[in-house]
């Protein structure tokens, strides 16, 4: 995820070609806003994967479906 952010930031620098301090501040501000959105996605995906694998290992999801079909 962070590699993607670095590529986006590099693309912004390449496209905008900031030559002043305000240009660099603008690019860094955009990068930080994107980090606020992207960085929490990695732990969220890891937690979702863990919970899904735990549910599948326990088999309780299948048990609930069988009870739902029977009842």
Protein backbone atom coordinates (compact mmCIF):
# COMPACT_ATOMS: atom_id res chain seq x y z
CA UNK A 1 0.00 0.00 0.00
CA UNK A 2 2.76 2.41 0.89
CA UNK A 3 4.50 1.68 -2.40
CA UNK A 4 1.38 2.82 -4.22
CA UNK A 5 1.38 6.01 -2.18
CA UNK A 6 5.01 6.66 -3.05
CA UNK A 7 4.26 6.14 -6.75
CA UNK A 8 1.33 8.58 -6.57
CA UNK A 9 3.47 11.15 -4.81
CA UNK A 10 6.24 10.71 -7.36
CA UNK A 11 3.74 11.13 -10.17
CA UNK A 12 2.43 14.33 -8.59
CA UNK A 13 5.94 15.73 -8.32
CA UNK A 14 6.63 14.75 -11.92
CA UNK A 15 3.42 16.26 -13.25
CA UNK A 16 3.30 19.44 -11.17
CA UNK A 17 7.07 20.04 -11.07
CA UNK A 18 6.92 22.19 -7.94
CA UNK A 19 9.77 24.66 -7.85
CA UNK A 20 8.73 26.68 -4.83
CA UNK A 21 8.18 25.79 -1.21
CA UNK A 22 4.42 26.20 -1.62
CA UNK A 23 4.46 23.64 -4.43
CA UNK A 24 6.24 21.08 -2.27
CA UNK A 25 3.86 21.79 0.60
CA UNK A 26 0.89 21.20 -1.71
CA UNK A 27 2.27 17.87 -2.94
CA UNK A 28 3.04 16.72 0.60
CA UNK A 29 -0.43 17.77 1.76
CA UNK A 30 -2.06 15.66 -0.93
CA UNK A 31 0.19 12.74 -0.03
CA UNK A 32 -0.72 13.00 3.66
CA UNK A 33 -4.45 13.13 2.90
CA UNK A 34 -4.08 9.99 0.78
CA UNK A 35 -2.13 8.33 3.61
CA UNK A 36 -4.99 9.03 6.02
CA UNK A 37 -7.28 7.06 3.72
CA UNK A 38 -4.95 4.27 2.58
CA UNK A 39 -2.86 3.37 5.64
CA UNK A 40 -5.78 2.05 7.78
CA UNK A 41 -6.84 -0.23 4.92
CA UNK A 42 -3.98 -2.70 5.44
CA UNK A 43 -4.79 -3.59 9.07
CA UNK A 44 -8.51 -3.65 8.25
CA UNK A 45 -7.88 -6.16 5.46
CA UNK A 46 -5.70 -8.28 7.74
CA UNK A 47 -8.37 -8.36 10.45
CA UNK A 48 -11.09 -9.23 7.95
CA UNK A 49 -8.96 -12.04 6.53
CA UNK A 50 -8.20 -13.39 10.01
CA UNK A 51 -11.85 -13.38 11.05
CA UNK A 52 -12.91 -15.07 7.80
CA UNK A 53 -10.27 -17.78 8.13
CA UNK A 54 -11.19 -18.37 11.77
CA UNK A 55 -14.87 -18.66 10.87
CA UNK A 56 -14.11 -21.15 8.10
CA UNK A 57 -11.82 -23.21 10.33
CA UNK A 58 -14.47 -23.50 13.03
CA UNK A 59 -17.13 -24.48 10.51
CA UNK A 60 -19.79 -22.50 12.36
CA UNK A 61 -20.78 -20.72 9.17
CA UNK A 62 -21.67 -24.03 7.54
CA UNK A 63 -23.50 -25.18 10.65
CA UNK A 64 -25.61 -22.02 10.64
CA UNK A 65 -26.47 -22.48 6.97
CA UNK A 66 -27.52 -26.10 7.48
CA UNK A 67 -29.76 -25.08 10.40
CA UNK A 68 -31.26 -22.30 8.29
CA UNK A 69 -32.05 -24.69 5.44
CA UNK A 70 -33.49 -27.32 7.78
CA UNK A 71 -35.63 -24.88 9.75
